[in-house]
N, C-alpha and C. Protein backbone atom coordinates (compact mmCIF):
# COMPACT_ATOMS: atom_id res chain seq x y z
N MET A 1 14.66 -8.73 -27.38
CA MET A 1 14.02 -9.01 -26.03
C MET A 1 14.63 -8.10 -24.99
N ALA A 2 13.83 -7.28 -24.30
CA ALA A 2 14.37 -6.38 -23.27
C ALA A 2 14.85 -7.12 -22.10
N GLN A 3 16.00 -6.75 -21.65
CA GLN A 3 16.74 -7.32 -20.55
C GLN A 3 17.28 -6.20 -19.65
N ILE A 4 17.23 -6.46 -18.34
CA ILE A 4 17.88 -5.62 -17.39
C ILE A 4 18.91 -6.44 -16.41
N PHE A 5 20.02 -6.10 -16.16
CA PHE A 5 20.87 -6.74 -15.23
C PHE A 5 21.06 -5.90 -14.05
N THR A 6 21.10 -6.58 -12.83
CA THR A 6 21.50 -5.91 -11.63
C THR A 6 22.72 -6.81 -10.99
N ASP A 7 23.10 -6.49 -9.89
CA ASP A 7 24.24 -7.21 -9.33
C ASP A 7 23.92 -8.71 -9.21
N ARG A 8 22.71 -9.05 -8.91
CA ARG A 8 22.30 -10.48 -8.76
C ARG A 8 21.38 -11.07 -9.68
N LEU A 9 20.73 -10.10 -10.38
CA LEU A 9 19.49 -10.61 -11.13
C LEU A 9 19.66 -10.33 -12.59
N LEU A 10 18.91 -11.22 -13.34
CA LEU A 10 18.52 -10.87 -14.84
C LEU A 10 17.04 -10.74 -14.80
N LEU A 11 16.63 -9.65 -15.38
CA LEU A 11 15.19 -9.38 -15.59
C LEU A 11 15.01 -9.31 -17.09
N MET A 12 13.99 -10.10 -17.57
CA MET A 12 13.68 -10.11 -19.00
C MET A 12 12.16 -10.28 -19.24
N LYS A 13 11.81 -9.62 -20.33
CA LYS A 13 10.36 -9.67 -20.79
C LYS A 13 10.09 -11.16 -21.09
N CYS A 14 8.91 -11.66 -20.67
CA CYS A 14 8.51 -13.09 -21.02
C CYS A 14 8.02 -13.16 -22.50
N PRO A 15 8.82 -13.85 -23.29
CA PRO A 15 8.37 -13.91 -24.75
C PRO A 15 7.25 -14.87 -24.86
N LEU A 16 6.59 -14.73 -26.01
CA LEU A 16 5.44 -15.42 -26.33
C LEU A 16 5.63 -16.99 -26.26
N ASP A 17 6.77 -17.47 -26.79
CA ASP A 17 7.05 -19.00 -26.81
C ASP A 17 7.11 -19.52 -25.39
N LEU A 18 7.82 -18.71 -24.60
CA LEU A 18 7.95 -19.15 -23.20
C LEU A 18 6.63 -19.17 -22.36
N ALA A 19 5.78 -18.09 -22.62
CA ALA A 19 4.40 -18.02 -22.02
C ALA A 19 3.61 -19.20 -22.44
N LYS A 20 3.69 -19.61 -23.65
CA LYS A 20 2.89 -20.74 -24.15
C LYS A 20 3.37 -21.95 -23.44
N SER A 21 4.72 -22.14 -23.43
CA SER A 21 5.37 -23.32 -22.77
C SER A 21 5.04 -23.52 -21.28
N ILE A 22 4.85 -22.37 -20.69
CA ILE A 22 4.62 -22.44 -19.18
C ILE A 22 3.15 -23.21 -19.05
N ILE A 23 2.22 -22.80 -19.91
CA ILE A 23 0.79 -23.19 -19.88
C ILE A 23 0.64 -24.65 -20.51
N LEU A 24 1.27 -24.83 -21.64
CA LEU A 24 1.05 -26.02 -22.49
C LEU A 24 2.00 -27.17 -22.27
N ASN A 25 3.25 -26.82 -22.11
CA ASN A 25 4.35 -27.77 -22.08
C ASN A 25 5.30 -27.67 -20.92
N ARG A 26 4.81 -27.50 -19.78
CA ARG A 26 5.64 -27.21 -18.64
C ARG A 26 6.83 -28.20 -18.42
N LYS A 27 6.38 -29.48 -18.53
CA LYS A 27 7.39 -30.58 -18.32
C LYS A 27 8.50 -30.40 -19.35
N GLU A 28 8.21 -30.29 -20.69
CA GLU A 28 9.17 -30.10 -21.72
C GLU A 28 9.99 -28.93 -21.46
N LEU A 29 9.48 -27.85 -20.93
CA LEU A 29 10.10 -26.60 -20.76
C LEU A 29 11.09 -26.69 -19.66
N GLU A 30 10.68 -27.42 -18.63
CA GLU A 30 11.61 -27.65 -17.53
C GLU A 30 12.82 -28.53 -17.89
N GLU A 31 12.64 -29.45 -18.87
CA GLU A 31 13.61 -30.23 -19.36
C GLU A 31 14.59 -29.61 -20.29
N ARG A 32 14.17 -28.64 -21.01
CA ARG A 32 14.99 -27.95 -22.08
C ARG A 32 15.58 -26.61 -21.67
N SER A 33 15.04 -26.03 -20.54
CA SER A 33 15.48 -24.62 -20.17
C SER A 33 16.80 -24.47 -19.59
N PRO A 34 17.57 -23.70 -19.87
CA PRO A 34 18.83 -23.55 -19.16
C PRO A 34 18.75 -22.87 -17.73
N ILE A 35 17.46 -22.54 -17.49
CA ILE A 35 17.13 -21.79 -16.18
C ILE A 35 16.20 -22.74 -15.45
N PHE A 36 16.54 -23.06 -14.20
CA PHE A 36 15.68 -23.87 -13.42
C PHE A 36 14.38 -23.15 -13.07
N ILE A 37 13.29 -23.89 -13.28
CA ILE A 37 11.90 -23.36 -13.05
C ILE A 37 11.30 -24.02 -11.87
N PRO A 38 11.19 -23.37 -10.75
CA PRO A 38 10.64 -24.11 -9.46
C PRO A 38 9.18 -24.45 -9.66
N SER A 39 8.83 -25.59 -8.91
CA SER A 39 7.48 -25.94 -9.00
C SER A 39 6.46 -25.05 -8.30
N ASP A 40 6.91 -24.06 -7.53
CA ASP A 40 5.92 -23.10 -7.00
C ASP A 40 5.82 -21.76 -7.77
N TRP A 41 6.18 -21.89 -9.02
CA TRP A 41 6.04 -20.72 -9.94
C TRP A 41 5.50 -21.25 -11.23
N PRO A 42 4.61 -20.47 -11.81
CA PRO A 42 4.02 -19.19 -11.40
C PRO A 42 2.93 -19.35 -10.36
N SER A 43 2.57 -18.20 -9.69
CA SER A 43 1.54 -18.14 -8.84
C SER A 43 0.24 -18.24 -9.56
N ILE A 44 -0.71 -18.57 -8.79
CA ILE A 44 -2.15 -18.66 -9.29
C ILE A 44 -2.62 -17.44 -10.03
N GLN A 45 -2.24 -16.21 -9.41
CA GLN A 45 -2.51 -15.07 -10.12
C GLN A 45 -1.87 -14.80 -11.47
N LEU A 46 -0.63 -15.19 -11.58
CA LEU A 46 0.06 -15.07 -12.82
C LEU A 46 -0.53 -16.14 -13.83
N LYS A 47 -0.76 -17.30 -13.34
CA LYS A 47 -1.35 -18.39 -14.23
C LYS A 47 -2.65 -17.84 -14.71
N SER A 48 -3.40 -17.04 -14.02
CA SER A 48 -4.75 -16.58 -14.45
C SER A 48 -4.56 -15.54 -15.56
N ILE A 49 -3.58 -14.80 -15.58
CA ILE A 49 -3.42 -13.79 -16.68
C ILE A 49 -2.70 -14.28 -17.94
N LEU A 50 -1.89 -15.38 -17.69
CA LEU A 50 -1.14 -15.91 -18.92
C LEU A 50 -1.90 -16.18 -20.16
N PRO A 51 -3.05 -16.70 -20.07
CA PRO A 51 -3.78 -16.91 -21.39
C PRO A 51 -4.07 -15.47 -22.01
N TYR A 52 -4.53 -14.54 -21.29
CA TYR A 52 -4.68 -13.21 -21.88
C TYR A 52 -3.34 -12.61 -22.41
N TYR A 53 -2.33 -12.82 -21.79
CA TYR A 53 -0.99 -12.27 -22.20
C TYR A 53 -0.64 -12.95 -23.54
N ILE A 54 -0.87 -14.23 -23.59
CA ILE A 54 -0.54 -15.05 -24.89
C ILE A 54 -1.36 -14.45 -25.95
N GLU A 55 -2.64 -14.29 -25.72
CA GLU A 55 -3.58 -13.88 -26.79
C GLU A 55 -3.11 -12.52 -27.28
N MET A 56 -2.81 -11.64 -26.28
CA MET A 56 -2.45 -10.17 -26.59
C MET A 56 -1.24 -10.23 -27.51
N LEU A 57 -0.16 -11.08 -27.16
CA LEU A 57 1.08 -11.07 -27.91
C LEU A 57 0.80 -11.68 -29.32
N GLU A 58 -0.10 -12.68 -29.37
CA GLU A 58 -0.40 -13.22 -30.66
C GLU A 58 -1.01 -12.27 -31.64
N LYS A 59 -1.91 -11.44 -31.14
CA LYS A 59 -2.68 -10.47 -31.94
C LYS A 59 -1.89 -9.18 -32.29
N ALA A 60 -1.11 -8.72 -31.31
CA ALA A 60 -0.29 -7.54 -31.50
C ALA A 60 1.06 -7.72 -30.77
N PRO A 61 1.99 -8.31 -31.44
CA PRO A 61 3.35 -8.60 -30.72
C PRO A 61 4.13 -7.44 -30.20
N ARG A 62 3.81 -6.31 -30.77
CA ARG A 62 4.48 -5.08 -30.28
C ARG A 62 3.80 -4.20 -29.16
N THR A 63 2.60 -4.75 -28.80
CA THR A 63 1.88 -3.96 -27.87
C THR A 63 2.55 -4.07 -26.45
N ASP A 64 2.39 -3.04 -25.73
CA ASP A 64 2.83 -2.97 -24.31
C ASP A 64 1.86 -2.80 -23.24
N ASN A 65 0.60 -3.09 -23.55
CA ASN A 65 -0.42 -2.88 -22.56
C ASN A 65 -0.17 -3.67 -21.37
N LEU A 66 0.31 -4.93 -21.56
CA LEU A 66 0.63 -5.77 -20.47
C LEU A 66 2.07 -6.40 -20.76
N GLN A 67 2.83 -6.33 -19.75
CA GLN A 67 4.17 -7.03 -19.89
C GLN A 67 4.32 -7.87 -18.70
N ILE A 68 4.96 -9.08 -18.92
CA ILE A 68 5.39 -9.94 -17.83
C ILE A 68 6.90 -10.10 -17.88
N TRP A 69 7.56 -9.69 -16.79
CA TRP A 69 8.95 -9.76 -16.80
C TRP A 69 9.32 -10.94 -15.82
N LEU A 70 10.31 -11.69 -16.19
CA LEU A 70 10.78 -12.79 -15.33
C LEU A 70 11.97 -12.30 -14.48
N ILE A 71 12.01 -12.70 -13.23
CA ILE A 71 13.14 -12.46 -12.34
C ILE A 71 13.95 -13.72 -12.17
N ILE A 72 15.22 -13.60 -12.67
CA ILE A 72 15.95 -14.75 -12.64
C ILE A 72 17.27 -14.59 -11.68
N ASP A 73 17.62 -15.41 -10.74
CA ASP A 73 18.74 -15.31 -10.07
C ASP A 73 19.86 -15.70 -10.98
N ALA A 74 20.75 -14.63 -11.34
CA ALA A 74 21.77 -14.85 -12.25
C ALA A 74 22.83 -15.77 -11.84
N TYR A 75 23.16 -15.96 -10.63
CA TYR A 75 24.15 -16.82 -10.08
C TYR A 75 23.70 -18.26 -10.13
N GLU A 76 22.42 -18.57 -9.64
CA GLU A 76 21.95 -19.93 -9.52
C GLU A 76 21.14 -20.28 -10.77
N ARG A 77 20.98 -19.36 -11.66
CA ARG A 77 20.29 -19.60 -13.01
C ARG A 77 18.85 -20.24 -12.73
N LYS A 78 18.18 -19.51 -11.82
CA LYS A 78 16.97 -19.98 -11.27
C LYS A 78 15.80 -18.89 -11.35
N LEU A 79 14.76 -19.22 -11.98
CA LEU A 79 13.57 -18.24 -11.95
C LEU A 79 13.01 -18.14 -10.52
N ILE A 80 13.01 -16.85 -10.05
CA ILE A 80 12.57 -16.67 -8.72
C ILE A 80 11.33 -15.81 -8.50
N GLY A 81 10.89 -15.26 -9.64
CA GLY A 81 9.60 -14.55 -9.45
C GLY A 81 9.29 -13.89 -10.78
N SER A 82 8.39 -12.94 -10.73
CA SER A 82 8.02 -12.23 -11.95
C SER A 82 7.37 -10.72 -11.56
N ILE A 83 7.32 -9.93 -12.55
CA ILE A 83 6.90 -8.61 -12.44
C ILE A 83 5.86 -8.42 -13.57
N ARG A 84 4.66 -7.83 -13.16
CA ARG A 84 3.61 -7.57 -14.24
C ARG A 84 3.54 -6.03 -14.32
N LEU A 85 3.59 -5.60 -15.47
CA LEU A 85 3.40 -4.14 -15.85
C LEU A 85 2.19 -3.95 -16.68
N LYS A 86 1.28 -3.04 -16.37
CA LYS A 86 0.07 -2.96 -17.14
C LYS A 86 -0.09 -1.39 -17.36
N CYS A 87 -0.30 -1.01 -18.65
CA CYS A 87 -0.62 0.28 -19.01
C CYS A 87 -2.16 0.61 -18.82
N PHE A 88 -2.48 1.85 -18.52
CA PHE A 88 -3.81 2.20 -18.39
C PHE A 88 -4.28 2.79 -19.79
N PRO A 89 -5.35 2.31 -20.36
CA PRO A 89 -5.72 2.64 -21.74
C PRO A 89 -5.85 4.17 -21.94
N ASN A 90 -6.32 4.80 -20.91
CA ASN A 90 -6.56 6.34 -20.98
C ASN A 90 -5.33 7.07 -20.50
N ASP A 91 -4.25 6.48 -20.12
CA ASP A 91 -3.08 7.13 -19.60
C ASP A 91 -1.80 6.26 -19.80
N ALA A 92 -1.32 6.33 -21.06
CA ALA A 92 -0.18 5.43 -21.43
C ALA A 92 1.07 5.58 -20.60
N LYS A 93 1.22 6.79 -19.94
CA LYS A 93 2.37 7.12 -19.25
C LYS A 93 2.36 6.58 -17.64
N THR A 94 1.10 6.04 -17.28
CA THR A 94 0.89 5.45 -15.99
C THR A 94 1.08 4.03 -16.02
N ILE A 95 2.06 3.43 -15.33
CA ILE A 95 2.19 1.98 -15.38
C ILE A 95 1.73 1.40 -13.99
N ASP A 96 0.91 0.31 -13.98
CA ASP A 96 0.57 -0.28 -12.76
C ASP A 96 1.57 -1.55 -12.60
N LEU A 97 2.32 -1.66 -11.42
CA LEU A 97 3.25 -2.63 -11.24
C LEU A 97 2.81 -3.73 -10.16
N GLY A 98 2.93 -4.93 -10.46
CA GLY A 98 2.76 -5.95 -9.52
C GLY A 98 3.79 -6.92 -9.48
N TYR A 99 4.11 -7.61 -8.45
CA TYR A 99 5.39 -8.55 -8.46
C TYR A 99 5.18 -9.64 -7.51
N GLU A 100 5.88 -10.73 -7.81
CA GLU A 100 5.86 -11.90 -6.81
C GLU A 100 7.30 -12.48 -6.79
N ILE A 101 7.66 -12.98 -5.59
CA ILE A 101 8.87 -13.62 -5.42
C ILE A 101 8.67 -15.04 -4.84
N ILE A 102 9.17 -15.99 -5.24
CA ILE A 102 8.87 -17.33 -4.59
C ILE A 102 9.29 -17.31 -3.18
N ALA A 103 8.64 -18.23 -2.39
CA ALA A 103 8.74 -18.05 -0.93
C ALA A 103 10.28 -18.28 -0.45
N SER A 104 10.95 -19.17 -1.09
CA SER A 104 12.36 -19.46 -0.51
C SER A 104 13.40 -18.28 -0.86
N TYR A 105 12.88 -17.23 -1.65
CA TYR A 105 13.80 -16.16 -2.03
C TYR A 105 13.29 -14.86 -1.40
N ARG A 106 12.18 -14.89 -0.56
CA ARG A 106 11.66 -13.75 0.04
C ARG A 106 12.61 -13.22 1.24
N ASN A 107 12.42 -12.00 1.56
CA ASN A 107 13.28 -11.43 2.73
C ASN A 107 14.78 -11.32 2.49
N GLN A 108 15.19 -11.41 1.22
CA GLN A 108 16.60 -11.40 0.94
C GLN A 108 16.96 -10.14 0.00
N GLY A 109 16.04 -9.22 -0.16
CA GLY A 109 16.33 -8.10 -1.02
C GLY A 109 16.08 -8.32 -2.58
N PHE A 110 15.61 -9.48 -2.98
CA PHE A 110 15.54 -9.73 -4.31
C PHE A 110 14.29 -9.00 -4.94
N GLY A 111 13.27 -8.90 -4.15
CA GLY A 111 12.09 -8.21 -4.63
C GLY A 111 12.31 -6.71 -4.72
N TYR A 112 12.97 -6.08 -3.87
CA TYR A 112 13.26 -4.68 -3.95
C TYR A 112 14.25 -4.45 -5.05
N GLU A 113 15.24 -5.27 -5.22
CA GLU A 113 16.30 -5.19 -6.28
C GLU A 113 15.58 -5.19 -7.66
N ALA A 114 14.72 -6.11 -7.87
CA ALA A 114 13.99 -6.30 -9.13
C ALA A 114 13.10 -5.13 -9.42
N VAL A 115 12.23 -4.74 -8.42
CA VAL A 115 11.29 -3.71 -8.66
C VAL A 115 12.05 -2.36 -8.95
N GLN A 116 13.13 -2.06 -8.13
CA GLN A 116 13.81 -0.93 -8.32
C GLN A 116 14.41 -0.80 -9.72
N ALA A 117 14.99 -1.89 -10.15
CA ALA A 117 15.56 -1.93 -11.56
C ALA A 117 14.55 -1.66 -12.64
N VAL A 118 13.36 -2.29 -12.51
CA VAL A 118 12.31 -2.06 -13.60
C VAL A 118 11.73 -0.62 -13.43
N ALA A 119 11.52 -0.12 -12.20
CA ALA A 119 11.09 1.19 -12.15
C ALA A 119 12.03 2.23 -12.68
N ASP A 120 13.34 1.98 -12.43
CA ASP A 120 14.47 2.90 -13.05
C ASP A 120 14.39 2.95 -14.62
N TRP A 121 14.31 1.54 -15.12
CA TRP A 121 14.18 1.36 -16.59
C TRP A 121 13.00 2.07 -17.11
N LEU A 122 11.82 1.99 -16.38
CA LEU A 122 10.56 2.65 -16.88
C LEU A 122 10.70 4.18 -17.01
N PHE A 123 11.34 4.76 -16.01
CA PHE A 123 11.39 6.20 -16.00
C PHE A 123 12.49 6.65 -16.97
N LYS A 124 13.62 5.94 -16.89
CA LYS A 124 14.77 6.41 -17.83
C LYS A 124 14.42 6.24 -19.28
N SER A 125 13.68 5.26 -19.62
CA SER A 125 13.27 5.08 -21.01
C SER A 125 12.11 5.81 -21.52
N GLY A 126 11.55 6.59 -20.51
CA GLY A 126 10.38 7.46 -20.90
C GLY A 126 9.09 6.63 -21.12
N ASN A 127 9.07 5.39 -20.72
CA ASN A 127 7.86 4.66 -20.76
C ASN A 127 6.78 4.94 -19.67
N ALA A 128 7.28 5.68 -18.62
CA ALA A 128 6.42 5.90 -17.54
C ALA A 128 6.65 7.31 -16.92
N MET A 129 5.65 8.02 -16.56
CA MET A 129 5.83 9.24 -15.81
C MET A 129 5.28 8.92 -14.41
N LYS A 130 4.42 7.92 -14.29
CA LYS A 130 3.91 7.60 -12.94
C LYS A 130 3.88 6.05 -12.87
N ILE A 131 4.17 5.42 -11.72
CA ILE A 131 4.00 4.02 -11.44
C ILE A 131 3.15 3.89 -10.28
N THR A 132 2.13 2.97 -10.40
CA THR A 132 1.19 2.71 -9.39
C THR A 132 1.46 1.23 -8.87
N ALA A 133 0.95 0.99 -7.62
CA ALA A 133 0.96 -0.36 -7.16
C ALA A 133 -0.01 -0.44 -6.06
N GLU A 134 -0.40 -1.72 -5.71
CA GLU A 134 -1.16 -1.96 -4.60
C GLU A 134 -0.75 -3.23 -3.83
N CYS A 135 -1.03 -3.26 -2.56
CA CYS A 135 -0.73 -4.57 -1.85
C CYS A 135 -1.70 -4.62 -0.66
N GLU A 136 -1.70 -5.78 -0.12
CA GLU A 136 -2.63 -6.07 0.98
C GLU A 136 -2.07 -5.28 2.14
N GLN A 137 -2.99 -4.88 3.04
CA GLN A 137 -2.61 -4.02 4.19
C GLN A 137 -1.78 -4.78 5.24
N THR A 138 -1.82 -6.16 5.20
CA THR A 138 -1.00 -6.98 6.02
C THR A 138 0.26 -7.57 5.41
N ASN A 139 0.50 -7.14 4.28
CA ASN A 139 1.77 -7.69 3.53
C ASN A 139 2.88 -6.65 3.87
N MET A 140 3.45 -6.81 5.06
CA MET A 140 4.52 -5.95 5.48
C MET A 140 5.77 -5.95 4.62
N ALA A 141 6.15 -7.07 4.04
CA ALA A 141 7.26 -7.14 3.17
C ALA A 141 7.14 -6.22 1.96
N SER A 142 5.85 -6.35 1.38
CA SER A 142 5.58 -5.48 0.18
C SER A 142 5.49 -3.97 0.52
N ILE A 143 4.94 -3.75 1.72
CA ILE A 143 4.89 -2.33 2.26
C ILE A 143 6.27 -1.68 2.35
N ARG A 144 7.14 -2.51 2.91
CA ARG A 144 8.59 -2.11 3.04
C ARG A 144 9.25 -1.93 1.60
N ILE A 145 9.01 -2.80 0.71
CA ILE A 145 9.63 -2.56 -0.68
C ILE A 145 9.08 -1.29 -1.33
N LEU A 146 7.79 -1.12 -1.23
CA LEU A 146 7.18 0.17 -1.81
C LEU A 146 7.60 1.33 -1.18
N GLU A 147 7.73 1.35 0.13
CA GLU A 147 8.19 2.52 0.84
C GLU A 147 9.72 2.88 0.51
N LYS A 148 10.60 1.76 0.46
CA LYS A 148 12.00 1.86 0.20
C LYS A 148 12.12 2.40 -1.30
N LEU A 149 11.18 1.99 -2.24
CA LEU A 149 11.27 2.59 -3.53
C LEU A 149 10.96 4.01 -3.59
N GLY A 150 10.33 4.50 -2.61
CA GLY A 150 10.04 5.93 -2.50
C GLY A 150 8.51 6.25 -2.98
N MET A 151 7.73 5.21 -2.94
CA MET A 151 6.35 5.23 -3.38
C MET A 151 5.57 5.89 -2.16
N ARG A 152 4.51 6.59 -2.55
CA ARG A 152 3.70 7.29 -1.54
C ARG A 152 2.32 6.62 -1.57
N ARG A 153 1.91 6.24 -0.37
CA ARG A 153 0.62 5.70 -0.04
C ARG A 153 -0.43 6.74 -0.39
N ILE A 154 -1.40 6.41 -1.39
CA ILE A 154 -2.34 7.39 -1.71
C ILE A 154 -3.75 6.98 -1.37
N ALA A 155 -4.01 5.65 -1.04
CA ALA A 155 -5.32 5.34 -0.60
C ALA A 155 -5.35 4.01 0.28
N LYS A 156 -6.32 3.96 1.02
CA LYS A 156 -6.54 2.69 1.77
C LYS A 156 -7.97 2.12 1.36
N GLU A 157 -7.95 1.15 0.60
CA GLU A 157 -9.30 0.49 0.18
C GLU A 157 -9.37 -0.95 0.62
N ALA A 158 -9.78 -1.13 1.90
CA ALA A 158 -9.66 -2.53 2.42
C ALA A 158 -10.07 -3.59 1.52
N PRO A 159 -9.21 -4.63 1.45
CA PRO A 159 -7.98 -4.87 2.30
C PRO A 159 -6.66 -4.32 1.53
N PHE A 160 -6.80 -3.46 0.66
CA PHE A 160 -5.63 -3.04 -0.08
C PHE A 160 -5.17 -1.56 0.28
N LEU A 161 -3.83 -1.39 0.06
CA LEU A 161 -3.31 0.01 0.04
C LEU A 161 -2.87 0.22 -1.30
N LYS A 162 -3.06 1.45 -1.81
CA LYS A 162 -2.63 1.96 -3.12
C LYS A 162 -1.54 2.89 -3.02
N TRP A 163 -0.59 2.85 -3.88
CA TRP A 163 0.68 3.51 -3.94
C TRP A 163 0.92 4.12 -5.32
N GLU A 164 1.75 5.24 -5.28
CA GLU A 164 2.14 5.87 -6.58
C GLU A 164 3.60 6.39 -6.40
N LEU A 165 4.24 6.54 -7.55
CA LEU A 165 5.60 7.07 -7.66
C LEU A 165 5.59 7.84 -8.82
N HIS A 166 6.16 9.19 -8.72
CA HIS A 166 6.43 10.00 -9.87
C HIS A 166 7.91 10.13 -10.14
């Protein structure tokens, strides 16, 4: 299982068994997990793609068309967010990145720290030549993260801004 460590975080790919437990056995997962899973995770957006993610992993466990990475506060042993990586079928070296941090951990640098670590890993491992992202025009925290990461704004398609990094 792929893992990335930063000063404060553990980032790890969400394995099939954990993805299933999130949907099917949340209460049992919370009781047996060594990591605290807050009630406000996952977001509605992540919940909506988990069934597809599970199906994809069951059919082709080694596929990387879609990856979900968990963001864990290493000191508090608490799940604080996630990162979604999606390959484009016609361009395997372009990765679309999305992320979420639970509300109580926002504006503390965790989002940038996690996204920076995954972006570095993608480029250094040769898995990506370009990373794309999008955020709402009003999401100033995400805009700051993407700008700090060095991403360039390439389009404005209301209500979203589109970004890329080479």
